[in-house]
Structure formats: structure tokens, C-alpha cells
Amino acid sequence: MDPLVYPGIHRSRVRALNDRVDAPGRFVLYWMQQSQRAEVNHALEYALREANRLGQGVLVAFGLADDYPEANLRHYAFMLAGLKETAQALRRRGIALVARIGSPPRVALELGRDAALIVCDRGYLRHQRAWRAEVAAQAACRVVEVESDAVVPIEEVSAKAEVGARTLRPKLHRRLPDYLVALPPTRVRTPSAGMAVAGLDLDEPEAVLKRLKIDRTVAAVPAVFKGGTGAAKTRLQRFLADGLARYDRNHNQPQTDDVSRLSPYLHFGQIAPLFVALEARGADAPAAARDAFLEQVVVRRELACNFVHFTPGYDAYACIPAWAQKTLAEHTRDPRPGAYTAERIENAETGDPYWNAAMAEMRCTGFMHSHMRMYWGKKILEWSRTPAEGFALTLRLNNRYFLDGRDPNSYAGVGWVYGVHDRPWPERPVYGKVRSMTAGGLERKCDIRAYVENVRRVCGYPVVAIRRLDP
């Protein structure tokens, strides 16, 4: 078993990013960026333990970049609602959170000038890794990264990009029992809450939003998804009390609500996947249902982290497997059953009422049932002039409208549409040997009409006359 460096924190979660030593600073800085929460946060608890060792307090820093790649008002409003709650929860623990507008590494380095040690959480995307490398290279003190958003650290499971869940699963399950352990909160010996450090007033998120130079063309959705750890835990408890018992049967039934809808909260780090996994494991539900949910929240989620970590071009068409690129290229000239412009696709103006409903759900709520996400992406592939154009459009819409867009799961999910983590299937037009999905398949496997009606009720989506779209 991997030894613990502190209670609940395995040594493999902790990685030195430079070779410097602790400086004679006034506090330990926890640069919070990915794990935006005040509980079940390994990076925060490690910083507190180190601060107690040094006889200092912890100052939490957050860099609010208003040019975050592909983010818009929808994403910022949700995030700031969560940061307001996190700042208040930290304050109750005697810890100050200072947020400033600016490049996250610049903010961390500014506040880190007086730090004895800088602790950061981990992000897997290209720019997130670059941010941490920049801080590690320029800080005058030791910089330590602590994995807080994977149940099992990725390198502890595999040293390469895995072919799919079938190859990752047994490796992950071998390590999982060691890491499914609770993380106890650390007693704060030296409070920092009264420290005079200038920053944004996170208690007024609307005022902060007004100061940001961001894309405001995609509306926020607070009536559907309220940001914050409290809202995430409420959703989780509601799901565990009701939906989990049917999850193994209904997780691919979009007309039901037997899914957790936690992906936005996991994306912004407002709830810990470890907390979700422990709560699900101990829930009063059939073992098959618990196992099916843990497969998604642990195995599939960490497969996505594995994908972006070991695939430099995770956001480019070239990331898909060679066999998929070859078969799609061979079918590029096949007649397309739909010839829609990108604008018509984005406006949900296709001849497929099921797909239009999915797109409407995405636009008005920032969410889409996972089974419909697969169908949604497959049809864009089918309608696009070339697979590469389809890939780019799918990813652009995904990142623009989904609250959990710009996430390892997003990149792995869009890649899956084009063959990532999948295998060759019987050959058919347009798709070649890449897995296809059809409207007829939806009609056979779920109550797709009920799904369309649900979207109409929630979003005011006009119900199109439903008809079979496939022979």
C-alpha cells in the first residue's frame, strides 16, 4: 500500500514541482484552481498540515482569468457561485481566500512572494499543466502539487494511454481499495482569515461578473444548476436516496432522471470524486447499481484523465485511433443523409426531432443526458462534410454550451464519437467501422418520445411531429 504522508493523503498524491526549499515566508499559500472546495480537498489539507508544521497560517489564492479558453458567462456564473460558498466555508475554518482577476500563475506568483511554501492542486489539460510549470519555475520557494481530483492518481494506475475501459479497469480496481479512504479535516492552528490582503469580494459574485471581459452570448442557468458544494451534495443525496437504486437499469434511459447530474460540479472541483465514491459505496442500494455508478464516476472519469494526460493532441482530430481515421477517410465521399450548416446544427434546426431536443436541452440547461450526448455527437459526424470538420464542430459546441465542457471527460467523450476507447464495428456508410447510432435505435431501446416531451416541458422546446427517421 502506498504510505500516507499525512492522514488520508497518500505519498503518491504529492509531487514536488521544483527543487527549492521552504522560504522564510509569512504563510503557506494554497493556490486553488482545479479543486474549488473547502472540504475533501487533499491539496488544502496538505497545505494546512504543512502550515501547522511551520507554525503558520494558510492563505488560499485563486486566479480569475477572464480569457479562460472557450469559457463564457454560463461557466463563470456557475463557478463564481461556487467560489462564494467556498470562501465562506474557508472563513468558517479560519482560512482566508483571496481571488484576483488575472492570469492564474501570475496571481499565484504575486501572492506567493511572501509564502514559505506554495501548494497547488492538479489539472490535466495543456494550459493547466503550463500554469503550474510557470509557477514552479519562477517561485522563490518550494512548489508542491497535490492530486485532489482523481480517486487514484493517474500514474499509480498506468504509465501509458489506455486502449479503453477494459484495459484500465483491472489496473484501477487493484489500487482502488487503498485509495477509497476518508480524508479527515485538519485543525487550523494559525488562522489567516483576518489577514489584510487585497482581493475580490466573492460575496458579491454578480458584481465580480460585471468586471469581467467575457463572452456573454451564452446565458447562465442558475435556475437549473446552482453552483457550489452545497448544491452538489444536495443533488448527490437526492440521487443516492432515489435514482441510484435504478441506475444500472436506467442510466441509458434519457427519459428518466436516474442519473446524478454531478458532472458540472465535478468539472469545477466543487465536489470531490472521492466523496462521491465513498457515499455511493455506502449507500442503501443494490450492489449492481452501486457498481454501475462507480464505474462511471471512477473508472470512466479516470480513463478520461488518462487520455488527456498521455495524449498531447487530445483536442485535435489526430487524437483518434489510426484504424478509425483510416475507415472514416475511406467513407468521406459517401452521401450524407443530412446536409446541415454549422449554424442550423447549433440552432437545432435539423430534420431529426430527437437530436433537436438534445441540442435544445444542451442550450437551455448546460446539460444533456449521457446517452443523448453519444447520439448527439454521432449525428454531427454523420452530417458533416468531413470527419475532421465534424470533430471540430462537436468539440466547439460541447465546450460552448455544456457546464462541464473543456474537461477531460469532454475531450474523451468527443474522441469516443470518432473511435477513441472503442473498437471497429460492422462497416456501414459514412461511419465506416466506427460505431454508429440511429434514431431507430433510440426508439427500440428507450422511450425517446418521453424524453422529447421532458425537454419541451423544461425548455419550452416546440415538439416537432415525431416520426421514424431511419428505414
Protein backbone atom coordinates (compact mmCIF):
# COMPACT_ATOMS: atom_id res chain seq x y z
CA MET A 1 0.00 0.00 0.00
CA ASP A 2 1.23 3.49 -0.81
CA PRO A 3 2.34 5.09 2.53
CA LEU A 4 0.50 8.11 3.90
CA VAL A 5 2.38 11.38 4.18
CA TYR A 6 -0.46 12.78 6.31
CA PRO A 7 -3.76 11.16 7.41
CA GLY A 8 -5.80 10.39 4.29
CA ILE A 9 -3.09 11.72 1.94
CA HIS A 10 -1.05 9.09 0.12
CA ARG A 11 2.53 9.93 -0.74
CA SER A 12 1.76 9.29 -4.43
CA ARG A 13 -0.66 12.25 -4.40
CA VAL A 14 2.20 14.64 -3.59
CA ARG A 15 4.73 15.74 -6.21
CA ALA A 16 7.47 18.36 -5.91
CA LEU A 17 7.38 20.67 -8.95
CA ASN A 18 10.79 22.25 -8.30
CA ASP A 19 13.90 21.56 -6.23
CA ARG A 20 13.73 24.61 -3.95
CA VAL A 21 13.35 24.60 -0.17
CA ASP A 22 10.90 26.32 2.13
CA ALA A 23 11.45 30.08 2.25
CA PRO A 24 11.25 32.34 5.33
CA GLY A 25 7.71 33.41 4.42
CA ARG A 26 4.71 34.57 6.42
CA PHE A 27 2.27 31.84 5.39
CA VAL A 28 1.76 28.74 3.28
CA LEU A 29 -0.02 29.58 0.03
CA TYR A 30 -2.56 27.13 -1.32
CA TRP A 31 -3.10 28.09 -4.95
CA MET A 32 -6.61 26.74 -5.52
CA GLN A 33 -7.51 26.40 -9.18
CA GLN A 34 -8.95 22.98 -10.02
CA SER A 35 -10.29 21.83 -6.63
CA GLN A 36 -12.63 24.72 -5.85
CA ARG A 37 -13.93 23.48 -2.50
CA ALA A 38 -13.24 23.73 1.22
CA GLU A 39 -13.75 20.06 2.07
CA VAL A 40 -12.36 16.67 0.99
CA ASN A 41 -9.56 18.57 -0.73
CA HIS A 42 -6.20 16.85 -0.44
CA ALA A 43 -4.26 19.92 -1.58
CA LEU A 44 -5.92 22.13 1.05
CA GLU A 45 -5.42 19.61 3.85
CA TYR A 46 -1.77 19.07 2.85
CA ALA A 47 -1.21 22.85 2.92
CA LEU A 48 -2.80 23.06 6.37
CA ARG A 49 -0.65 20.22 7.69
CA GLU A 50 2.48 21.86 6.34
CA ALA A 51 1.41 25.22 7.77
CA ASN A 52 0.88 23.66 11.19
CA ARG A 53 4.36 22.13 10.96
CA LEU A 54 5.82 25.56 10.19
CA GLY A 55 3.70 27.37 12.77
CA GLN A 56 1.99 29.48 10.09
CA GLY A 57 -1.43 30.02 8.56
CA VAL A 58 -2.69 29.13 5.10
CA LEU A 59 -3.68 31.76 2.57
CA VAL A 60 -5.78 30.42 -0.32
CA ALA A 61 -5.29 32.11 -3.72
CA PHE A 62 -7.49 31.95 -6.80
CA GLY A 63 -6.64 33.49 -10.15
CA LEU A 64 -9.74 34.54 -12.09
CA ALA A 65 -8.75 34.63 -15.76
CA ASP A 66 -11.39 36.34 -17.88
CA ASP A 67 -9.80 34.87 -21.01
CA TYR A 68 -10.10 31.21 -19.97
CA PRO A 69 -10.21 29.12 -23.18
CA GLU A 70 -13.77 28.85 -24.56
CA ALA A 71 -15.45 29.87 -21.30
CA ASN A 72 -18.41 32.25 -21.23
CA LEU A 73 -20.98 33.81 -18.89
CA ARG A 74 -22.63 30.43 -18.26
CA HIS A 75 -19.40 28.95 -16.92
CA TYR A 76 -18.25 32.00 -14.95
CA ALA A 77 -21.62 32.49 -13.22
CA PHE A 78 -21.70 28.86 -12.08
CA MET A 79 -18.06 28.99 -10.93
CA LEU A 80 -18.42 32.25 -9.01
CA ALA A 81 -21.50 30.96 -7.18
CA GLY A 82 -19.34 28.06 -6.04
CA LEU A 83 -16.40 30.28 -5.09
CA LYS A 84 -18.67 32.44 -2.94
CA GLU A 85 -19.67 29.37 -0.94
CA THR A 86 -16.09 28.09 -0.80
CA ALA A 87 -14.80 31.43 0.51
CA GLN A 88 -17.47 31.40 3.23
CA ALA A 89 -16.71 27.79 4.21
CA LEU A 90 -12.98 28.53 4.40
CA ARG A 91 -13.67 31.62 6.50
CA ARG A 92 -15.55 29.45 8.99
CA ARG A 93 -12.40 27.34 9.28
CA GLY A 94 -10.33 30.47 9.89
CA ILE A 95 -8.82 30.49 6.39
CA ALA A 96 -8.75 33.47 4.01
CA LEU A 97 -9.39 33.07 0.27
CA VAL A 98 -8.01 35.85 -1.92
CA ALA A 99 -9.23 35.95 -5.52
CA ARG A 100 -7.85 38.36 -8.09
CA ILE A 101 -8.56 38.94 -11.76
CA GLY A 102 -5.58 37.93 -13.83
CA SER A 103 -3.57 35.07 -15.21
CA PRO A 104 -3.76 32.30 -12.57
CA PRO A 105 0.02 31.71 -12.45
CA ARG A 106 0.64 35.46 -12.21
CA VAL A 107 -1.81 35.73 -9.30
CA ALA A 108 -0.19 32.75 -7.57
CA LEU A 109 3.30 34.21 -8.02
CA GLU A 110 2.23 37.66 -6.77
CA LEU A 111 0.69 36.26 -3.61
CA GLY A 112 3.46 33.68 -3.30
CA ARG A 113 6.18 36.29 -2.84
CA ASP A 114 5.58 36.17 0.93
CA ALA A 115 4.96 32.42 1.08
CA ALA A 116 7.16 29.85 2.78
CA LEU A 117 5.70 27.18 0.51
CA ILE A 118 3.26 27.06 -2.41
CA VAL A 119 0.87 24.12 -2.65
CA CYS A 120 -1.28 23.68 -5.76
CA ASP A 121 -3.89 21.18 -6.89
CA ARG A 122 -3.64 19.31 -10.18
CA GLY A 123 -5.12 19.93 -13.62
CA TYR A 124 -4.65 17.66 -16.62
CA LEU A 125 -5.25 19.97 -19.55
CA ARG A 126 -2.39 21.51 -21.52
CA HIS A 127 -2.79 25.05 -20.22
CA GLN A 128 -3.30 23.85 -16.64
CA ARG A 129 0.00 21.98 -16.73
CA ALA A 130 1.71 25.03 -18.27
CA TRP A 131 0.37 27.27 -15.48
CA ARG A 132 1.84 25.04 -12.79
CA ALA A 133 5.16 24.74 -14.60
CA GLU A 134 5.35 28.54 -14.80
CA VAL A 135 4.81 28.93 -11.06
CA ALA A 136 7.29 26.17 -10.25
CA ALA A 137 9.95 27.76 -12.46
CA GLN A 138 9.58 31.30 -11.11
CA ALA A 139 8.68 30.87 -7.43
CA ALA A 140 11.42 31.50 -4.90
CA CYS A 141 10.14 28.74 -2.63
CA ARG A 142 9.24 25.08 -2.84
CA VAL A 143 6.18 24.30 -5.01
CA VAL A 144 4.26 21.09 -4.34
CA GLU A 145 1.38 19.69 -6.40
CA VAL A 146 -1.21 17.53 -4.64
CA GLU A 147 -3.64 15.38 -6.62
CA SER A 148 -7.12 16.21 -5.34
CA ASP A 149 -9.48 15.39 -8.22
CA ALA A 150 -8.75 11.75 -9.00
CA VAL A 151 -9.61 8.93 -6.63
CA VAL A 152 -6.41 7.12 -7.61
CA PRO A 153 -3.51 9.21 -9.01
CA ILE A 154 -3.28 8.52 -12.74
CA GLU A 155 0.36 7.39 -12.77
CA GLU A 156 -0.36 4.90 -9.99
CA VAL A 157 -2.70 3.08 -12.36
CA SER A 158 -0.94 3.25 -15.72
CA ALA A 159 2.11 4.72 -17.44
CA LYS A 160 0.51 4.98 -20.89
CA ALA A 161 -2.66 5.94 -22.74
CA GLU A 162 -5.01 3.02 -22.22
CA VAL A 163 -6.88 1.44 -25.12
CA GLY A 164 -10.15 1.69 -23.23
CA ALA A 165 -12.01 0.97 -20.02
CA ARG A 166 -11.43 -2.77 -20.44
CA THR A 167 -7.66 -2.30 -20.06
CA LEU A 168 -7.77 0.43 -17.39
CA ARG A 169 -10.44 -1.18 -15.21
CA PRO A 170 -8.46 -4.12 -13.77
CA LYS A 171 -5.43 -1.92 -13.09
CA LEU A 172 -7.56 0.67 -11.33
CA HIS A 173 -9.52 -1.86 -9.32
CA ARG A 174 -6.28 -3.33 -7.96
CA ARG A 175 -5.37 0.03 -6.41
CA LEU A 176 -8.85 1.31 -5.57
CA PRO A 177 -9.23 -0.27 -2.10
CA ASP A 178 -6.07 1.52 -0.93
CA TYR A 179 -7.35 4.93 -2.01
CA LEU A 180 -11.02 4.73 -1.06
CA VAL A 181 -10.24 6.20 2.35
CA ALA A 182 -11.78 9.23 4.01
CA LEU A 183 -9.81 12.47 4.28
CA PRO A 184 -10.10 13.95 7.79
CA PRO A 185 -10.19 17.76 8.11
CA THR A 186 -7.13 19.39 9.65
CA ARG A 187 -7.39 21.60 12.72
CA VAL A 188 -6.30 25.13 11.85
CA ARG A 189 -3.77 26.23 14.47
CA THR A 190 -2.94 29.62 12.98
CA PRO A 191 -5.91 31.40 11.38
CA SER A 192 -5.42 33.58 8.33
CA ALA A 193 -8.98 34.88 7.99
CA GLY A 194 -8.07 38.32 9.34
CA MET A 195 -5.06 38.74 7.09
CA ALA A 196 -5.15 42.06 5.21
CA VAL A 197 -4.63 41.04 1.57
CA ALA A 198 -6.48 42.81 -1.25
CA GLY A 199 -8.79 40.73 -3.43
CA LEU A 200 -12.23 40.46 -5.00
CA ASP A 201 -15.38 40.44 -2.88
CA LEU A 202 -16.60 36.93 -3.63
CA ASP A 203 -19.68 37.54 -1.51
CA GLU A 204 -20.92 39.64 -4.46
CA PRO A 205 -20.49 37.35 -7.49
CA GLU A 206 -22.74 39.48 -9.70
CA ALA A 207 -20.51 42.49 -9.15
CA VAL A 208 -17.46 40.40 -9.99
CA LEU A 209 -19.13 39.14 -13.16
CA LYS A 210 -19.71 42.71 -14.32
CA ARG A 211 -15.98 43.42 -14.10
CA LEU A 212 -15.01 40.51 -16.33
CA LYS A 213 -14.41 40.90 -20.06
CA ILE A 214 -16.06 37.65 -21.10
CA ASP A 215 -18.34 36.21 -23.78
CA ARG A 216 -21.89 36.97 -22.63
CA THR A 217 -23.75 35.37 -25.53
CA VAL A 218 -24.48 32.12 -23.68
CA ALA A 219 -26.85 32.68 -20.77
CA ALA A 220 -26.26 31.47 -17.24
CA VAL A 221 -28.59 28.73 -15.95
CA PRO A 222 -28.87 29.23 -12.16
CA ALA A 223 -32.47 28.01 -12.10
CA VAL A 224 -31.30 24.64 -13.42
CA PHE A 225 -27.83 24.34 -11.91
CA LYS A 226 -26.89 26.38 -8.86
CA GLY A 227 -23.15 26.34 -8.34
CA GLY A 228 -21.45 25.28 -5.12
CA THR A 229 -20.57 22.36 -2.88
CA GLY A 230 -23.87 22.56 -1.02
CA ALA A 231 -25.90 22.23 -4.22
CA ALA A 232 -23.67 19.36 -5.34
CA LYS A 233 -24.14 17.47 -2.07
CA THR A 234 -27.91 18.03 -2.20
CA ARG A 235 -28.01 16.55 -5.71
CA LEU A 236 -25.87 13.62 -4.62
CA GLN A 237 -28.02 12.80 -1.59
CA ARG A 238 -31.20 13.03 -3.66
CA PHE A 239 -29.71 10.69 -6.24
CA LEU A 240 -28.47 8.20 -3.63
CA ALA A 241 -31.86 8.15 -1.93
CA ASP A 242 -33.79 7.52 -5.11
CA GLY A 243 -32.10 7.27 -8.51
CA LEU A 244 -29.12 5.10 -7.56
CA ALA A 245 -31.29 2.04 -6.87
CA ARG A 246 -32.28 2.00 -10.57
CA TYR A 247 -29.02 3.29 -12.03
CA ASP A 248 -27.82 0.00 -13.50
CA ARG A 249 -31.13 -0.35 -15.38
CA ASN A 250 -31.82 3.28 -16.27
CA HIS A 251 -28.52 5.11 -16.77
CA ASN A 252 -29.02 4.75 -20.55
CA GLN A 253 -32.69 5.76 -20.43
CA PRO A 254 -32.78 9.53 -21.14
CA GLN A 255 -36.49 9.87 -20.38
CA THR A 256 -35.77 9.06 -16.72
CA ASP A 257 -33.93 11.19 -14.17
CA ASP A 258 -31.98 8.29 -12.66
CA VAL A 259 -28.60 9.99 -13.12
CA SER A 260 -26.65 12.12 -10.64
CA ARG A 261 -26.20 15.27 -12.79
CA LEU A 262 -22.97 15.90 -10.89
CA SER A 263 -20.71 16.44 -13.89
CA PRO A 264 -20.73 20.28 -13.69
CA TYR A 265 -19.76 20.13 -10.01
CA LEU A 266 -17.01 17.60 -10.64
CA HIS A 267 -15.70 19.71 -13.53
CA PHE A 268 -15.28 22.78 -11.33
CA GLY A 269 -13.98 20.76 -8.39
CA GLN A 270 -16.95 21.79 -6.23
CA ILE A 271 -17.35 18.22 -5.00
CA ALA A 272 -14.66 15.59 -4.61
CA PRO A 273 -14.92 12.38 -6.65
CA LEU A 274 -13.58 10.58 -3.57
CA PHE A 275 -16.50 11.88 -1.51
CA VAL A 276 -18.98 10.85 -4.22
CA ALA A 277 -17.44 7.37 -4.47
CA LEU A 278 -17.43 6.80 -0.70
CA GLU A 279 -21.03 7.97 -0.35
CA ALA A 280 -22.15 5.74 -3.24
CA ARG A 281 -20.27 2.73 -1.92
CA GLY A 282 -22.05 3.04 1.42
CA ALA A 283 -25.49 3.79 0.01
CA ASP A 284 -28.53 1.60 0.57
CA ALA A 285 -28.89 0.32 -2.99
CA PRO A 286 -28.37 -2.96 -4.85
CA ALA A 287 -24.73 -3.87 -5.42
CA ALA A 288 -25.24 -3.88 -9.20
CA ALA A 289 -26.48 -0.29 -9.08
CA ARG A 290 -23.62 0.87 -6.87
CA ASP A 291 -21.08 -0.86 -9.11
CA ALA A 292 -22.57 0.67 -12.26
CA PHE A 293 -22.36 4.16 -10.79
CA LEU A 294 -18.80 3.69 -9.51
CA GLU A 295 -17.85 2.51 -13.00
CA GLN A 296 -18.85 5.94 -14.30
CA VAL A 297 -17.62 8.21 -11.52
CA VAL A 298 -14.29 6.41 -11.05
CA VAL A 299 -13.33 4.17 -13.98
CA ARG A 300 -14.72 6.20 -16.89
CA ARG A 301 -13.78 9.53 -15.35
CA GLU A 302 -10.19 8.45 -14.69
CA LEU A 303 -9.99 6.89 -18.15
CA ALA A 304 -10.64 10.41 -19.46
CA CYS A 305 -7.86 11.81 -17.25
CA ASN A 306 -5.56 9.08 -18.54
CA PHE A 307 -6.47 10.04 -22.10
CA VAL A 308 -5.68 13.76 -21.85
CA HIS A 309 -2.58 13.15 -19.71
CA PHE A 310 -0.95 10.75 -22.16
CA THR A 311 -2.34 12.22 -25.40
CA PRO A 312 -0.72 15.59 -26.22
CA GLY A 313 -3.20 16.36 -29.02
CA TYR A 314 -6.32 15.34 -27.09
CA ASP A 315 -8.29 18.23 -28.63
CA ALA A 316 -7.36 17.57 -32.28
CA TYR A 317 -8.78 15.15 -34.83
CA ALA A 318 -5.38 13.43 -34.97
CA CYS A 319 -6.02 12.02 -31.47
CA ILE A 320 -8.40 9.37 -32.76
CA PRO A 321 -7.00 5.87 -33.42
CA ALA A 322 -5.35 5.09 -36.74
CA TRP A 323 -7.95 2.44 -37.60
CA ALA A 324 -10.75 4.99 -37.12
CA GLN A 325 -9.02 7.67 -39.19
CA LYS A 326 -8.48 5.15 -41.98
CA THR A 327 -12.05 3.87 -42.12
CA LEU A 328 -13.58 7.35 -41.88
CA ALA A 329 -11.30 8.57 -44.67
CA GLU A 330 -12.45 5.69 -46.87
CA HIS A 331 -16.06 6.84 -46.44
CA THR A 332 -15.57 10.60 -46.77
CA ARG A 333 -17.24 10.64 -50.19
CA ASP A 334 -20.31 8.68 -49.04
CA PRO A 335 -23.60 10.57 -49.47
CA ARG A 336 -24.63 12.30 -46.22
CA PRO A 337 -28.28 11.81 -45.19
CA GLY A 338 -28.35 15.39 -43.86
CA ALA A 339 -26.52 18.42 -45.22
CA TYR A 340 -26.82 21.00 -42.50
CA THR A 341 -24.74 24.10 -41.98
CA ALA A 342 -22.99 24.59 -38.66
CA GLU A 343 -25.47 27.38 -37.92
CA ARG A 344 -28.51 25.14 -38.45
CA ILE A 345 -26.94 22.47 -36.27
CA GLU A 346 -26.21 24.95 -33.48
CA ASN A 347 -29.78 26.29 -33.70
CA ALA A 348 -31.27 22.76 -33.51
CA GLU A 349 -32.81 23.08 -36.96
CA THR A 350 -32.34 19.59 -38.35
CA GLY A 351 -34.81 17.00 -39.60
CA ASP A 352 -34.24 14.84 -36.51
CA PRO A 353 -36.60 15.82 -33.65
CA TYR A 354 -34.74 13.64 -31.15
CA TRP A 355 -31.46 15.33 -31.94
CA ASN A 356 -33.11 18.77 -31.92
CA ALA A 357 -34.45 18.07 -28.44
CA ALA A 358 -30.98 17.07 -27.21
CA MET A 359 -29.48 20.24 -28.64
CA ALA A 360 -32.25 22.30 -27.05
CA GLU A 361 -31.59 20.67 -23.67
CA MET A 362 -27.90 21.49 -24.03
CA ARG A 363 -28.52 25.12 -24.95
CA CYS A 364 -31.10 25.88 -22.27
CA THR A 365 -29.73 23.87 -19.32
CA GLY A 366 -26.00 23.36 -19.93
CA PHE A 367 -26.55 19.61 -19.54
CA MET A 368 -27.54 16.61 -21.63
CA HIS A 369 -28.22 13.03 -20.60
CA SER A 370 -25.12 10.93 -21.31
CA HIS A 371 -26.90 8.58 -23.71
CA MET A 372 -28.17 11.52 -25.75
CA ARG A 373 -24.66 13.02 -25.74
CA MET A 374 -23.46 9.97 -27.60
CA TYR A 375 -26.29 10.17 -30.12
CA TRP A 376 -25.81 13.93 -30.44
CA GLY A 377 -22.14 13.54 -31.36
CA LYS A 378 -22.68 10.62 -33.72
CA LYS A 379 -25.22 12.54 -35.79
CA ILE A 380 -22.87 15.53 -36.14
CA LEU A 381 -20.28 13.10 -37.53
CA GLU A 382 -22.89 11.75 -39.94
CA TRP A 383 -23.99 15.19 -41.14
CA SER A 384 -20.56 16.82 -41.50
CA ARG A 385 -18.80 17.20 -44.84
CA THR A 386 -15.65 15.59 -43.45
CA PRO A 387 -14.93 13.78 -40.17
CA ALA A 388 -12.36 16.42 -39.22
CA GLU A 389 -14.95 19.20 -39.65
CA GLY A 390 -17.42 17.20 -37.59
CA PHE A 391 -14.88 16.68 -34.81
CA ALA A 392 -14.14 20.41 -34.64
CA LEU A 393 -17.83 21.37 -34.58
CA THR A 394 -18.71 18.75 -31.97
CA LEU A 395 -15.95 19.97 -29.67
CA ARG A 396 -16.79 23.64 -30.19
CA LEU A 397 -20.47 23.17 -29.32
CA ASN A 398 -19.58 20.87 -26.42
CA ASN A 399 -17.27 23.44 -24.87
CA ARG A 400 -19.55 26.39 -25.57
CA TYR A 401 -22.81 25.15 -24.05
CA PHE A 402 -22.09 22.39 -21.54
CA LEU A 403 -21.32 23.50 -18.00
CA ASP A 404 -18.86 20.61 -17.85
CA GLY A 405 -17.27 21.44 -21.20
CA ARG A 406 -13.48 21.92 -21.51
CA ASP A 407 -12.99 18.88 -19.28
CA PRO A 408 -11.02 15.62 -19.71
CA ASN A 409 -14.40 13.88 -19.99
CA SER A 410 -15.37 16.27 -22.79
CA TYR A 411 -12.26 15.54 -24.82
CA ALA A 412 -12.52 11.79 -24.24
CA GLY A 413 -16.26 11.87 -24.97
CA VAL A 414 -15.89 13.73 -28.25
CA GLY A 415 -12.99 11.44 -29.15
CA TRP A 416 -15.22 8.41 -28.42
CA VAL A 417 -17.68 9.56 -31.08
CA TYR A 418 -14.83 9.14 -33.58
CA GLY A 419 -13.41 5.87 -32.22
CA VAL A 420 -11.35 6.69 -29.10
CA HIS A 421 -11.67 3.97 -26.44
CA ASP A 422 -13.79 1.89 -28.83
CA ARG A 423 -13.28 -0.91 -31.35
CA PRO A 424 -14.17 -1.49 -35.02
CA TRP A 425 -17.82 -2.34 -35.71
CA PRO A 426 -19.53 -3.76 -38.81
CA GLU A 427 -18.97 -1.39 -41.70
CA ARG A 428 -21.71 0.98 -42.82
CA PRO A 429 -21.96 4.17 -44.93
CA VAL A 430 -20.35 7.38 -43.63
CA TYR A 431 -19.20 5.80 -40.35
CA GLY A 432 -17.15 3.02 -41.88
CA LYS A 433 -16.18 0.77 -38.98
CA VAL A 434 -16.74 3.47 -36.33
CA ARG A 435 -19.74 2.77 -34.12
CA SER A 436 -22.96 4.39 -35.35
CA MET A 437 -26.18 5.35 -33.59
CA THR A 438 -29.60 5.76 -35.17
CA ALA A 439 -32.99 7.23 -34.36
CA GLY A 440 -34.44 3.77 -34.80
CA GLY A 441 -32.06 2.50 -32.12
CA LEU A 442 -33.32 5.16 -29.71
CA GLU A 443 -36.91 4.15 -30.42
CA ARG A 444 -36.16 0.49 -29.72
CA LYS A 445 -34.08 0.99 -26.58
CA CYS A 446 -35.77 3.84 -24.72
CA ASP A 447 -38.90 5.99 -24.58
CA ILE A 448 -37.45 8.72 -26.74
CA ARG A 449 -40.81 10.45 -27.14
CA ALA A 450 -40.98 10.92 -23.37
CA TYR A 451 -37.51 12.44 -23.49
CA VAL A 452 -38.60 14.96 -26.14
CA GLU A 453 -41.64 15.83 -24.02
CA ASN A 454 -39.43 16.34 -20.94
CA VAL A 455 -37.24 18.77 -22.88
CA ARG A 456 -40.29 20.60 -24.14
CA ARG A 457 -41.57 20.99 -20.60
CA VAL A 458 -38.24 22.18 -19.15
CA CYS A 459 -37.04 24.33 -22.04
CA GLY A 460 -40.20 25.33 -23.84
CA TYR A 461 -38.87 23.43 -26.85
CA PRO A 462 -41.57 23.13 -29.55
CA VAL A 463 -42.39 19.48 -30.11
CA VAL A 464 -41.82 18.56 -33.75
CA ALA A 465 -44.03 15.84 -35.21
CA ILE A 466 -42.16 12.69 -34.22
CA ARG A 467 -41.56 10.22 -36.99
CA ARG A 468 -39.16 7.44 -37.75
CA LEU A 469 -36.06 8.89 -39.31
CA ASP A 470 -34.35 5.65 -40.29
CA PRO A 471 -35.63 2.92 -42.57
